[in-house]
PDB file of N, CA and C in Angstrom:
ATOM      1  N   MET A   1      71.929 140.940 170.167  1.00  0.00           N
ATOM      2  CA  MET A   1      72.231 139.586 169.786  1.00  0.00           C
ATOM      3  C   MET A   1      73.620 139.455 169.117  1.00  0.00           C
ATOM      4  N   LYS A   2      74.077 138.352 169.407  1.00  0.00           N
ATOM      5  CA  LYS A   2      75.402 138.012 168.616  1.00  0.00           C
ATOM      6  C   LYS A   2      75.089 136.856 167.693  1.00  0.00           C
ATOM      7  N   ILE A   3      75.442 137.093 166.474  1.00  0.00           N
ATOM      8  CA  ILE A   3      74.909 136.282 165.500  1.00  0.00           C
ATOM      9  C   ILE A   3      76.076 135.706 164.711  1.00  0.00           C
ATOM     10  N   LEU A   4      76.112 134.316 164.299  1.00  0.00           N
ATOM     11  CA  LEU A   4      77.100 133.780 163.535  1.00  0.00           C
ATOM     12  C   LEU A   4      76.472 133.410 162.118  1.00  0.00           C
ATOM     13  N   ILE A   5      77.074 133.808 161.162  1.00  0.00           N
ATOM     14  CA  ILE A   5      76.647 133.397 159.807  1.00  0.00           C
ATOM     15  C   ILE A   5      77.746 132.493 159.323  1.00  0.00           C
ATOM     16  N   ALA A   6      77.297 131.273 158.934  1.00  0.00           N
ATOM     17  CA  ALA A   6      78.285 130.208 158.422  1.00  0.00           C
ATOM     18  C   ALA A   6      77.649 130.110 156.883  1.00  0.00           C
ATOM     19  N   GLU A   7      78.409 130.584 155.978  1.00  0.00           N
ATOM     20  CA  GLU A   7      78.083 130.797 154.596  1.00  0.00           C
ATOM     21  C   GLU A   7      79.237 130.844 153.631  1.00  0.00           C
ATOM     22  N   ASP A   8      79.374 129.995 152.789  1.00  0.00           N
ATOM     23  CA  ASP A   8      80.534 130.001 151.847  1.00  0.00           C
ATOM     24  C   ASP A   8      80.302 130.972 150.565  1.00  0.00           C
ATOM     25  N   ASP A   9      79.087 131.479 150.407  1.00  0.00           N
ATOM     26  CA  ASP A   9      78.905 132.478 149.249  1.00  0.00           C
ATOM     27  C   ASP A   9      79.017 133.760 149.898  1.00  0.00           C
ATOM     28  N   ILE A  10      79.882 134.541 149.392  1.00  0.00           N
ATOM     29  CA  ILE A  10      80.424 135.975 149.956  1.00  0.00           C
ATOM     30  C   ILE A  10      79.144 136.944 149.684  1.00  0.00           C
ATOM     31  N   ALA A  11      78.444 136.760 148.659  1.00  0.00           N
ATOM     32  CA  ALA A  11      77.404 137.791 148.370  1.00  0.00           C
ATOM     33  C   ALA A  11      76.225 137.434 149.323  1.00  0.00           C
ATOM     34  N   SER A  12      75.874 136.240 149.642  1.00  0.00           N
ATOM     35  CA  SER A  12      74.845 135.731 150.465  1.00  0.00           C
ATOM     36  C   SER A  12      75.303 136.297 152.001  1.00  0.00           C
ATOM     37  N   CYS A  13      76.388 136.034 152.183  1.00  0.00           N
ATOM     38  CA  CYS A  13      76.957 136.468 153.612  1.00  0.00           C
ATOM     39  C   CYS A  13      76.819 137.949 153.852  1.00  0.00           C
ATOM     40  N   LEU A  14      77.137 138.815 152.781  1.00  0.00           N
ATOM     41  CA  LEU A  14      77.090 140.197 152.847  1.00  0.00           C
ATOM     42  C   LEU A  14      75.597 140.684 152.923  1.00  0.00           C
ATOM     43  N   LEU A  15      74.806 140.011 152.318  1.00  0.00           N
ATOM     44  CA  LEU A  15      73.193 140.329 152.227  1.00  0.00           C
ATOM     45  C   LEU A  15      72.715 140.087 153.610  1.00  0.00           C
ATOM     46  N   LEU A  16      73.008 138.869 154.156  1.00  0.00           N
ATOM     47  CA  LEU A  16      72.538 138.503 155.506  1.00  0.00           C
ATOM     48  C   LEU A  16      73.048 139.430 156.637  1.00  0.00           C
ATOM     49  N   THR A  17      74.450 139.911 156.440  1.00  0.00           N
ATOM     50  CA  THR A  17      74.950 140.755 157.444  1.00  0.00           C
ATOM     51  C   THR A  17      74.265 142.069 157.348  1.00  0.00           C
ATOM     52  N   ARG A  18      73.983 142.649 156.278  1.00  0.00           N
ATOM     53  CA  ARG A  18      73.380 143.901 156.061  1.00  0.00           C
ATOM     54  C   ARG A  18      71.891 143.834 156.650  1.00  0.00           C
ATOM     55  N   THR A  19      71.217 142.681 156.379  1.00  0.00           N
ATOM     56  CA  THR A  19      69.877 142.567 156.984  1.00  0.00           C
ATOM     57  C   THR A  19      69.917 142.391 158.536  1.00  0.00           C
ATOM     58  N   LEU A  20      70.884 141.802 159.025  1.00  0.00           N
ATOM     59  CA  LEU A  20      70.819 141.656 160.433  1.00  0.00           C
ATOM     60  C   LEU A  20      71.563 142.709 161.266  1.00  0.00           C
ATOM     61  N   LYS A  21      72.229 143.640 160.800  1.00  0.00           N
ATOM     62  CA  LYS A  21      73.051 144.587 161.459  1.00  0.00           C
ATOM     63  C   LYS A  21      72.377 145.402 162.442  1.00  0.00           C
ATOM     64  N   GLU A  22      71.092 145.671 162.029  1.00  0.00           N
ATOM     65  CA  GLU A  22      70.263 146.451 163.149  1.00  0.00           C
ATOM     66  C   GLU A  22      69.781 145.836 164.387  1.00  0.00           C
ATOM     67  N   ILE A  23      69.715 144.532 164.320  1.00  0.00           N
ATOM     68  CA  ILE A  23      69.293 143.785 165.429  1.00  0.00           C
ATOM     69  C   ILE A  23      70.444 143.021 166.119  1.00  0.00           C
ATOM     70  N   SER A  24      71.644 143.369 165.788  1.00  0.00           N
ATOM     71  CA  SER A  24      72.776 142.524 166.368  1.00  0.00           C
ATOM     72  C   SER A  24      73.676 143.563 166.960  1.00  0.00           C
ATOM     73  N   ARG A  25      74.434 142.941 167.840  1.00  0.00           N
ATOM     74  CA  ARG A  25      75.460 143.767 168.584  1.00  0.00           C
ATOM     75  C   ARG A  25      76.802 143.366 167.904  1.00  0.00           C
ATOM     76  N   GLU A  26      76.728 142.166 167.356  1.00  0.00           N
ATOM     77  CA  GLU A  26      77.973 141.596 166.591  1.00  0.00           C
ATOM     78  C   GLU A  26      77.553 140.508 165.616  1.00  0.00           C
ATOM     79  N   VAL A  27      78.216 140.551 164.490  1.00  0.00           N
ATOM     80  CA  VAL A  27      77.906 139.457 163.512  1.00  0.00           C
ATOM     81  C   VAL A  27      79.250 138.839 163.055  1.00  0.00           C
ATOM     82  N   LEU A  28      79.382 137.570 163.331  1.00  0.00           N
ATOM     83  CA  LEU A  28      80.638 136.796 163.089  1.00  0.00           C
ATOM     84  C   LEU A  28      80.273 136.085 161.649  1.00  0.00           C
ATOM     85  N   GLN A  29      81.351 135.932 160.878  1.00  0.00           N
ATOM     86  CA  GLN A  29      81.261 135.278 159.498  1.00  0.00           C
ATOM     87  C   GLN A  29      82.339 134.358 159.429  1.00  0.00           C
ATOM     88  N   VAL A  30      81.903 133.103 159.007  1.00  0.00           N
ATOM     89  CA  VAL A  30      82.754 131.949 158.620  1.00  0.00           C
ATOM     90  C   VAL A  30      82.205 131.307 157.424  1.00  0.00           C
ATOM     91  N   GLN A  31      83.087 130.610 156.759  1.00  0.00           N
ATOM     92  CA  GLN A  31      82.940 130.108 155.541  1.00  0.00           C
ATOM     93  C   GLN A  31      82.828 128.415 155.360  1.00  0.00           C
ATOM     94  N   THR A  32      83.123 127.860 156.468  1.00  0.00           N
ATOM     95  CA  THR A  32      83.168 126.485 156.555  1.00  0.00           C
ATOM     96  C   THR A  32      82.368 125.858 157.852  1.00  0.00           C
ATOM     97  N   GLY A  33      82.034 124.655 157.767  1.00  0.00           N
ATOM     98  CA  GLY A  33      81.530 123.998 158.941  1.00  0.00           C
ATOM     99  C   GLY A  33      82.484 123.882 160.058  1.00  0.00           C
ATOM    100  N   ILE A  34      83.646 123.660 159.787  1.00  0.00           N
ATOM    101  CA  ILE A  34      84.783 123.525 160.766  1.00  0.00           C
ATOM    102  C   ILE A  34      84.973 124.934 161.469  1.00  0.00           C
ATOM    103  N   GLU A  35      84.913 125.921 160.680  1.00  0.00           N
ATOM    104  CA  GLU A  35      85.085 127.498 161.165  1.00  0.00           C
ATOM    105  C   GLU A  35      83.922 127.711 162.145  1.00  0.00           C
ATOM    106  N   ALA A  36      82.718 127.139 161.812  1.00  0.00           N
ATOM    107  CA  ALA A  36      81.498 127.502 162.554  1.00  0.00           C
ATOM    108  C   ALA A  36      81.586 126.785 163.972  1.00  0.00           C
ATOM    109  N   ILE A  37      82.011 125.653 163.979  1.00  0.00           N
ATOM    110  CA  ILE A  37      82.287 124.950 165.206  1.00  0.00           C
ATOM    111  C   ILE A  37      83.284 125.704 166.035  1.00  0.00           C
ATOM    112  N   ASP A  38      84.439 125.952 165.501  1.00  0.00           N
ATOM    113  CA  ASP A  38      85.313 126.706 166.284  1.00  0.00           C
ATOM    114  C   ASP A  38      84.946 128.138 166.698  1.00  0.00           C
ATOM    115  N   ALA A  39      84.007 128.809 165.904  1.00  0.00           N
ATOM    116  CA  ALA A  39      83.499 130.097 166.369  1.00  0.00           C
ATOM    117  C   ALA A  39      82.619 129.905 167.513  1.00  0.00           C
ATOM    118  N   CYS A  40      81.802 128.797 167.519  1.00  0.00           N
ATOM    119  CA  CYS A  40      80.815 128.572 168.606  1.00  0.00           C
ATOM    120  C   CYS A  40      81.694 128.089 169.846  1.00  0.00           C
ATOM    121  N   ARG A  41      82.809 127.495 169.815  1.00  0.00           N
ATOM    122  CA  ARG A  41      83.432 127.127 170.949  1.00  0.00           C
ATOM    123  C   ARG A  41      84.181 128.364 171.487  1.00  0.00           C
ATOM    124  N   ASN A  42      84.678 129.292 170.618  1.00  0.00           N
ATOM    125  CA  ASN A  42      85.318 130.466 171.016  1.00  0.00           C
ATOM    126  C   ASN A  42      84.368 131.685 171.403  1.00  0.00           C
ATOM    127  N   ASN A  43      83.185 131.495 171.056  1.00  0.00           N
ATOM    128  CA  ASN A  43      82.144 132.499 171.371  1.00  0.00           C
ATOM    129  C   ASN A  43      80.860 131.866 171.965  1.00  0.00           C
ATOM    130  N   PRO A  44      80.925 131.305 173.137  1.00  0.00           N
ATOM    131  CA  PRO A  44      79.771 130.676 173.790  1.00  0.00           C
ATOM    132  C   PRO A  44      78.526 131.561 173.923  1.00  0.00           C
ATOM    133  N   ASP A  45      78.673 132.828 173.701  1.00  0.00           N
ATOM    134  CA  ASP A  45      77.628 133.800 173.845  1.00  0.00           C
ATOM    135  C   ASP A  45      76.829 134.097 172.556  1.00  0.00           C
ATOM    136  N   VAL A  46      77.132 133.232 171.450  1.00  0.00           N
ATOM    137  CA  VAL A  46      76.446 133.550 170.234  1.00  0.00           C
ATOM    138  C   VAL A  46      75.087 133.070 170.445  1.00  0.00           C
ATOM    139  N   ASP A  47      74.125 133.906 170.105  1.00  0.00           N
ATOM    140  CA  ASP A  47      72.636 133.715 170.193  1.00  0.00           C
ATOM    141  C   ASP A  47      71.969 132.974 169.022  1.00  0.00           C
ATOM    142  N   LEU A  48      72.451 133.133 167.764  1.00  0.00           N
ATOM    143  CA  LEU A  48      71.837 132.737 166.609  1.00  0.00           C
ATOM    144  C   LEU A  48      72.947 132.328 165.658  1.00  0.00           C
ATOM    145  N   ILE A  49      72.702 131.211 164.886  1.00  0.00           N
ATOM    146  CA  ILE A  49      73.542 130.813 163.824  1.00  0.00           C
ATOM    147  C   ILE A  49      72.703 130.601 162.651  1.00  0.00           C
ATOM    148  N   LEU A  50      73.094 131.136 161.531  1.00  0.00           N
ATOM    149  CA  LEU A  50      72.560 130.983 160.270  1.00  0.00           C
ATOM    150  C   LEU A  50      73.480 130.094 159.575  1.00  0.00           C
ATOM    151  N   MET A  51      73.061 128.841 159.487  1.00  0.00           N
ATOM    152  CA  MET A  51      73.964 127.730 158.975  1.00  0.00           C
ATOM    153  C   MET A  51      73.496 127.336 157.568  1.00  0.00           C
ATOM    154  N   ASP A  52      74.480 127.585 156.686  1.00  0.00           N
ATOM    155  CA  ASP A  52      74.337 127.100 155.254  1.00  0.00           C
ATOM    156  C   ASP A  52      74.504 125.570 155.309  1.00  0.00           C
ATOM    157  N   ILE A  53      73.733 124.899 154.606  1.00  0.00           N
ATOM    158  CA  ILE A  53      73.752 123.376 154.636  1.00  0.00           C
ATOM    159  C   ILE A  53      74.757 122.770 153.826  1.00  0.00           C
ATOM    160  N   ARG A  54      74.918 123.390 152.592  1.00  0.00           N
ATOM    161  CA  ARG A  54      76.035 122.890 151.507  1.00  0.00           C
ATOM    162  C   ARG A  54      77.198 123.782 151.498  1.00  0.00           C
ATOM    163  N   MET A  55      78.133 123.459 152.441  1.00  0.00           N
ATOM    164  CA  MET A  55      79.436 124.132 152.439  1.00  0.00           C
ATOM    165  C   MET A  55      80.538 123.033 152.176  1.00  0.00           C
ATOM    166  N   SER A  56      81.629 123.568 151.622  1.00  0.00           N
ATOM    167  CA  SER A  56      82.627 122.638 151.244  1.00  0.00           C
ATOM    168  C   SER A  56      83.365 122.098 152.523  1.00  0.00           C
ATOM    169  N   GLY A  57      83.826 120.957 152.422  1.00  0.00           N
ATOM    170  CA  GLY A  57      84.620 120.249 153.605  1.00  0.00           C
ATOM    171  C   GLY A  57      83.579 119.546 154.557  1.00  0.00           C
ATOM    172  N   MET A  58      82.820 120.250 155.205  1.00  0.00           N
ATOM    173  CA  MET A  58      81.839 119.821 156.103  1.00  0.00           C
ATOM    174  C   MET A  58      80.474 120.403 155.898  1.00  0.00           C
ATOM    175  N   THR A  59      79.446 119.494 155.879  1.00  0.00           N
ATOM    176  CA  THR A  59      78.056 120.070 155.817  1.00  0.00           C
ATOM    177  C   THR A  59      77.724 120.774 156.945  1.00  0.00           C
ATOM    178  N   GLY A  60      76.596 121.525 156.765  1.00  0.00           N
ATOM    179  CA  GLY A  60      75.956 122.224 157.818  1.00  0.00           C
ATOM    180  C   GLY A  60      75.242 121.375 158.751  1.00  0.00           C
ATOM    181  N   TYR A  61      74.861 120.225 158.254  1.00  0.00           N
ATOM    182  CA  TYR A  61      74.125 119.149 159.049  1.00  0.00           C
ATOM    183  C   TYR A  61      75.267 118.677 160.113  1.00  0.00           C
ATOM    184  N   ASP A  62      76.475 118.307 159.536  1.00  0.00           N
ATOM    185  CA  ASP A  62      77.523 117.814 160.497  1.00  0.00           C
ATOM    186  C   ASP A  62      78.009 118.831 161.493  1.00  0.00           C
ATOM    187  N   ALA A  63      78.189 120.114 161.029  1.00  0.00           N
ATOM    188  CA  ALA A  63      78.436 121.137 161.941  1.00  0.00           C
ATOM    189  C   ALA A  63      77.513 121.280 163.011  1.00  0.00           C
ATOM    190  N   THR A  64      76.165 121.304 162.556  1.00  0.00           N
ATOM    191  CA  THR A  64      75.195 121.537 163.651  1.00  0.00           C
ATOM    192  C   THR A  64      75.262 120.437 164.614  1.00  0.00           C
ATOM    193  N   ARG A  65      75.416 119.080 164.274  1.00  0.00           N
ATOM    194  CA  ARG A  65      75.481 117.998 165.143  1.00  0.00           C
ATOM    195  C   ARG A  65      76.617 118.185 166.094  1.00  0.00           C
ATOM    196  N   GLN A  66      77.779 118.600 165.709  1.00  0.00           N
ATOM    197  CA  GLN A  66      78.770 118.777 166.538  1.00  0.00           C
ATOM    198  C   GLN A  66      78.669 120.064 167.529  1.00  0.00           C
ATOM    199  N   ILE A  67      78.070 121.121 167.034  1.00  0.00           N
ATOM    200  CA  ILE A  67      77.657 122.101 167.980  1.00  0.00           C
ATOM    201  C   ILE A  67      76.710 121.815 168.983  1.00  0.00           C
ATOM    202  N   ARG A  68      75.789 120.980 168.639  1.00  0.00           N
ATOM    203  CA  ARG A  68      74.724 120.508 169.562  1.00  0.00           C
ATOM    204  C   ARG A  68      75.455 119.566 170.684  1.00  0.00           C
ATOM    205  N   GLY A  69      76.660 119.098 170.341  1.00  0.00           N
ATOM    206  CA  GLY A  69      77.284 118.323 171.378  1.00  0.00           C
ATOM    207  C   GLY A  69      77.779 119.234 172.619  1.00  0.00           C
ATOM    208  N   PHE A  70      78.035 120.415 172.362  1.00  0.00           N
ATOM    209  CA  PHE A  70      78.412 121.340 173.467  1.00  0.00           C
ATOM    210  C   PHE A  70      77.573 122.524 173.712  1.00  0.00           C
ATOM    211  N   ASN A  71      76.645 122.838 172.774  1.00  0.00           N
ATOM    212  CA  ASN A  71      75.741 123.952 172.919  1.00  0.00           C
ATOM    213  C   ASN A  71      74.274 123.601 172.488  1.00  0.00           C
ATOM    214  N   LYS A  72      73.500 123.186 173.343  1.00  0.00           N
ATOM    215  CA  LYS A  72      72.079 122.776 173.291  1.00  0.00           C
ATOM    216  C   LYS A  72      71.125 124.073 173.050  1.00  0.00           C
ATOM    217  N   ASP A  73      71.469 125.233 173.582  1.00  0.00           N
ATOM    218  CA  ASP A  73      70.727 126.265 173.597  1.00  0.00           C
ATOM    219  C   ASP A  73      70.675 127.281 172.428  1.00  0.00           C
ATOM    220  N   VAL A  74      71.824 127.264 171.703  1.00  0.00           N
ATOM    221  CA  VAL A  74      71.876 128.374 170.574  1.00  0.00           C
ATOM    222  C   VAL A  74      70.806 128.025 169.523  1.00  0.00           C
ATOM    223  N   ILE A  75      70.206 129.014 168.944  1.00  0.00           N
ATOM    224  CA  ILE A  75      69.196 128.849 167.828  1.00  0.00           C
ATOM    225  C   ILE A  75      69.882 128.742 166.614  1.00  0.00           C
ATOM    226  N   ILE A  76      69.582 127.661 165.803  1.00  0.00           N
ATOM    227  CA  ILE A  76      70.301 127.332 164.628  1.00  0.00           C
ATOM    228  C   ILE A  76      69.187 127.401 163.469  1.00  0.00           C
ATOM    229  N   ILE A  77      69.337 128.404 162.473  1.00  0.00           N
ATOM    230  CA  ILE A  77      68.439 128.349 161.340  1.00  0.00           C
ATOM    231  C   ILE A  77      69.243 127.879 160.166  1.00  0.00           C
ATOM    232  N   ALA A  78      68.740 126.608 159.595  1.00  0.00           N
ATOM    233  CA  ALA A  78      69.432 126.099 158.377  1.00  0.00           C
ATOM    234  C   ALA A  78      69.003 126.836 157.138  1.00  0.00           C
ATOM    235  N   GLN A  79      69.953 126.997 156.345  1.00  0.00           N
ATOM    236  CA  GLN A  79      69.562 127.658 154.921  1.00  0.00           C
ATOM    237  C   GLN A  79      70.197 126.975 153.725  1.00  0.00           C
ATOM    238  N   THR A  80      69.617 126.846 152.717  1.00  0.00           N
ATOM    239  CA  THR A  80      70.156 126.354 151.519  1.00  0.00           C
ATOM    240  C   THR A  80      69.648 126.697 150.184  1.00  0.00           C
ATOM    241  N   ALA A  81      70.468 126.903 149.186  1.00  0.00           N
ATOM    242  CA  ALA A  81      69.970 127.387 147.885  1.00  0.00           C
ATOM    243  C   ALA A  81      69.545 126.057 147.024  1.00  0.00           C
ATOM    244  N   GLU A  82      70.122 125.025 147.252  1.00  0.00           N
ATOM    245  CA  GLU A  82      69.695 123.826 146.639  1.00  0.00           C
ATOM    246  C   GLU A  82      68.738 122.839 147.432  1.00  0.00           C
ATOM    247  N   ALA A  83      67.564 123.307 147.662  1.00  0.00           N
ATOM    248  CA  ALA A  83      66.712 122.583 148.430  1.00  0.00           C
ATOM    249  C   ALA A  83      66.126 121.283 147.787  1.00  0.00           C
ATOM    250  N   PHE A  84      66.182 120.142 148.429  1.00  0.00           N
ATOM    251  CA  PHE A  84      65.805 118.811 147.991  1.00  0.00           C
ATOM    252  C   PHE A  84      64.763 118.420 148.940  1.00  0.00           C
ATOM    253  N   ALA A  85      63.904 117.516 148.398  1.00  0.00           N
ATOM    254  CA  ALA A  85      63.028 116.873 149.348  1.00  0.00           C
ATOM    255  C   ALA A  85      63.654 116.183 150.512  1.00  0.00           C
ATOM    256  N   GLY A  86      63.085 116.400 151.682  1.00  0.00           N
ATOM    257  CA  GLY A  86      63.628 115.884 152.896  1.00  0.00           C
ATOM    258  C   GLY A  86      64.728 116.675 153.508  1.00  0.00           C
ATOM    259  N   ASP A  87      65.196 117.922 152.958  1.00  0.00           N
ATOM    260  CA  ASP A  87      66.129 118.637 153.550  1.00  0.00           C
ATOM    261  C   ASP A  87      65.728 119.269 154.808  1.00  0.00           C
ATOM    262  N   LYS A  88      64.487 119.754 154.827  1.00  0.00           N
ATOM    263  CA  LYS A  88      64.071 120.424 156.005  1.00  0.00           C
ATOM    264  C   LYS A  88      64.050 119.354 157.227  1.00  0.00           C
ATOM    265  N   GLU A  89      63.716 118.163 157.010  1.00  0.00           N
ATOM    266  CA  GLU A  89      63.572 117.145 157.889  1.00  0.00           C
ATOM    267  C   GLU A  89      65.021 116.623 158.478  1.00  0.00           C
ATOM    268  N   LYS A  90      66.043 116.619 157.502  1.00  0.00           N
ATOM    269  CA  LYS A  90      67.242 116.382 157.777  1.00  0.00           C
ATOM    270  C   LYS A  90      67.883 117.429 158.711  1.00  0.00           C
ATOM    271  N   ALA A  91      67.526 118.697 158.404  1.00  0.00           N
ATOM    272  CA  ALA A  91      68.151 119.814 159.180  1.00  0.00           C
ATOM    273  C   ALA A  91      67.506 119.635 160.593  1.00  0.00           C
ATOM    274  N   ILE A  92      66.242 119.521 160.749  1.00  0.00           N
ATOM    275  CA  ILE A  92      65.752 119.341 162.055  1.00  0.00           C
ATOM    276  C   ILE A  92      66.356 118.185 162.882  1.00  0.00           C
ATOM    277  N   GLU A  93      66.530 117.021 162.277  1.00  0.00           N
ATOM    278  CA  GLU A  93      67.113 115.937 162.759  1.00  0.00           C
ATOM    279  C   GLU A  93      68.454 116.200 163.226  1.00  0.00           C
ATOM    280  N   ALA A  94      69.141 116.994 162.535  1.00  0.00           N
ATOM    281  CA  ALA A  94      70.459 117.282 162.931  1.00  0.00           C
ATOM    282  C   ALA A  94      70.635 118.246 164.034  1.00  0.00           C
ATOM    283  N   GLY A  95      69.604 118.884 164.372  1.00  0.00           N
ATOM    284  CA  GLY A  95      69.594 119.873 165.518  1.00  0.00           C
ATOM    285  C   GLY A  95      69.237 121.325 165.268  1.00  0.00           C
ATOM    286  N   CYS A  96      68.822 121.578 163.958  1.00  0.00           N
ATOM    287  CA  CYS A  96      68.505 122.799 163.695  1.00  0.00           C
ATOM    288  C   CYS A  96      67.072 123.134 164.199  1.00  0.00           C
ATOM    289  N   ASN A  97      66.827 124.460 164.526  1.00  0.00           N
ATOM    290  CA  ASN A  97      65.460 124.906 164.946  1.00  0.00           C
ATOM    291  C   ASN A  97      64.624 125.174 163.833  1.00  0.00           C
ATOM    292  N   GLU A  98      65.168 125.644 162.775  1.00  0.00           N
ATOM    293  CA  GLU A  98      64.173 126.082 161.657  1.00  0.00           C
ATOM    294  C   GLU A  98      65.050 125.835 160.402  1.00  0.00           C
ATOM    295  N   TYR A  99      64.358 126.059 159.228  1.00  0.00           N
ATOM    296  CA  TYR A  99      64.981 125.810 157.958  1.00  0.00           C
ATOM    297  C   TYR A  99      64.386 126.887 156.995  1.00  0.00           C
ATOM    298  N   LEU A 100      65.194 127.518 156.176  1.00  0.00           N
ATOM    299  CA  LEU A 100      64.810 128.452 155.128  1.00  0.00           C
ATOM    300  C   LEU A 100      65.460 128.123 153.713  1.00  0.00           C
ATOM    301  N   SER A 101      64.796 128.194 152.731  1.00  0.00           N
ATOM    302  CA  SER A 101      65.488 127.979 151.409  1.00  0.00           C
ATOM    303  C   SER A 101      65.824 129.446 150.900  1.00  0.00           C
ATOM    304  N   LYS A 102      66.918 129.378 150.093  1.00  0.00           N
ATOM    305  CA  LYS A 102      67.318 130.633 149.428  1.00  0.00           C
ATOM    306  C   LYS A 102      66.543 130.790 148.151  1.00  0.00           C
ATOM    307  N   PRO A 103      66.499 132.018 147.617  1.00  0.00           N
ATOM    308  CA  PRO A 103      66.901 133.267 148.305  1.00  0.00           C
ATOM    309  C   PRO A 103      66.109 133.443 149.630  1.00  0.00           C
ATOM    310  N   ILE A 104      66.711 134.061 150.549  1.00  0.00           N
ATOM    311  CA  ILE A 104      66.051 134.176 151.831  1.00  0.00           C
ATOM    312  C   ILE A 104      65.175 135.470 151.930  1.00  0.00           C
ATOM    313  N   ASP A 105      63.982 135.132 152.263  1.00  0.00           N
ATOM    314  CA  ASP A 105      62.874 136.215 152.348  1.00  0.00           C
ATOM    315  C   ASP A 105      63.191 136.861 153.713  1.00  0.00           C
ATOM    316  N   GLN A 106      63.577 138.150 153.639  1.00  0.00           N
ATOM    317  CA  GLN A 106      64.007 139.002 154.804  1.00  0.00           C
ATOM    318  C   GLN A 106      62.787 139.043 155.879  1.00  0.00           C
ATOM    319  N   ASP A 107      61.500 138.981 155.354  1.00  0.00           N
ATOM    320  CA  ASP A 107      60.383 139.115 156.286  1.00  0.00           C
ATOM    321  C   ASP A 107      60.289 137.735 156.943  1.00  0.00           C
ATOM    322  N   GLU A 108      60.566 136.643 156.246  1.00  0.00           N
ATOM    323  CA  GLU A 108      60.455 135.340 156.921  1.00  0.00           C
ATOM    324  C   GLU A 108      61.511 135.136 157.928  1.00  0.00           C
ATOM    325  N   LEU A 109      62.707 135.530 157.525  1.00  0.00           N
ATOM    326  CA  LEU A 109      63.955 135.482 158.348  1.00  0.00           C
ATOM    327  C   LEU A 109      63.656 136.264 159.734  1.00  0.00           C
ATOM    328  N   MET A 110      63.163 137.480 159.642  1.00  0.00           N
ATOM    329  CA  MET A 110      62.940 138.261 160.705  1.00  0.00           C
ATOM    330  C   MET A 110      61.710 137.669 161.565  1.00  0.00           C
ATOM    331  N   GLY A 111      60.733 137.000 161.009  1.00  0.00           N
ATOM    332  CA  GLY A 111      59.644 136.436 161.750  1.00  0.00           C
ATOM    333  C   GLY A 111      60.228 135.265 162.561  1.00  0.00           C
ATOM    334  N   LEU A 112      61.069 134.478 162.080  1.00  0.00           N
ATOM    335  CA  LEU A 112      61.741 133.392 162.801  1.00  0.00           C
ATOM    336  C   LEU A 112      62.518 134.019 163.932  1.00  0.00           C
ATOM    337  N   ILE A 113      63.278 134.982 163.716  1.00  0.00           N
ATOM    338  CA  ILE A 113      64.121 135.710 164.826  1.00  0.00           C
ATOM    339  C   ILE A 113      63.185 136.208 165.838  1.00  0.00           C
ATOM    340  N   ARG A 114      62.076 136.905 165.549  1.00  0.00           N
ATOM    341  CA  ARG A 114      61.083 137.338 166.614  1.00  0.00           C
ATOM    342  C   ARG A 114      60.551 136.162 167.251  1.00  0.00           C
ATOM    343  N   LYS A 115      60.266 135.057 166.636  1.00  0.00           N
ATOM    344  CA  LYS A 115      59.759 133.808 167.310  1.00  0.00           C
ATOM    345  C   LYS A 115      60.578 133.329 168.508  1.00  0.00           C
ATOM    346  N   TYR A 116      61.930 133.370 168.202  1.00  0.00           N
ATOM    347  CA  TYR A 116      62.821 132.885 169.395  1.00  0.00           C
ATOM    348  C   TYR A 116      63.359 134.163 170.185  1.00  0.00           C
ATOM    349  N   PHE A 117      63.451 135.231 169.684  1.00  0.00           N
ATOM    350  CA  PHE A 117      63.923 136.353 170.595  1.00  0.00           C
ATOM    351  C   PHE A 117      62.920 137.450 170.645  1.00  0.00           C
ATOM    352  N   LYS A 118      61.896 137.105 171.461  1.00  0.00           N
ATOM    353  CA  LYS A 118      60.738 138.172 171.587  1.00  0.00           C
ATOM    354  C   LYS A 118      61.348 139.263 172.511  1.00  0.00           C
ATOM    355  N   LYS A 119      61.462 140.429 171.784  1.00  0.00           N
ATOM    356  CA  LYS A 119      62.005 141.662 172.602  1.00  0.00           C
ATOM    357  C   LYS A 119      61.235 142.744 172.156  1.00  0.00           C
TER     358      LYS A 119
END
């Protein structure tokens, strides 16, 4: 799998990268929504995006909407540390396939990945 991590917290990004390295052929890392959009345009073979909802500049919701404009197939899992009522629904409406609150439970994350990538 080729995975894109859109995460502005470096520690969270490193933890996710370490968690996913065994199941990925490549992990791309970006820190903003705009970078996530550019990475998806430049890497149409991305299989999975872990999208932080609260990033500076552009939210993960807005980045997801724009990515869905040109890539309907990529699996996008929203993630956020500051979960508020209605966030999951907003994420799904924006085009995310799933939603996780931080701290990310590795077993839950891997379960979602298996759900979409049965191998």
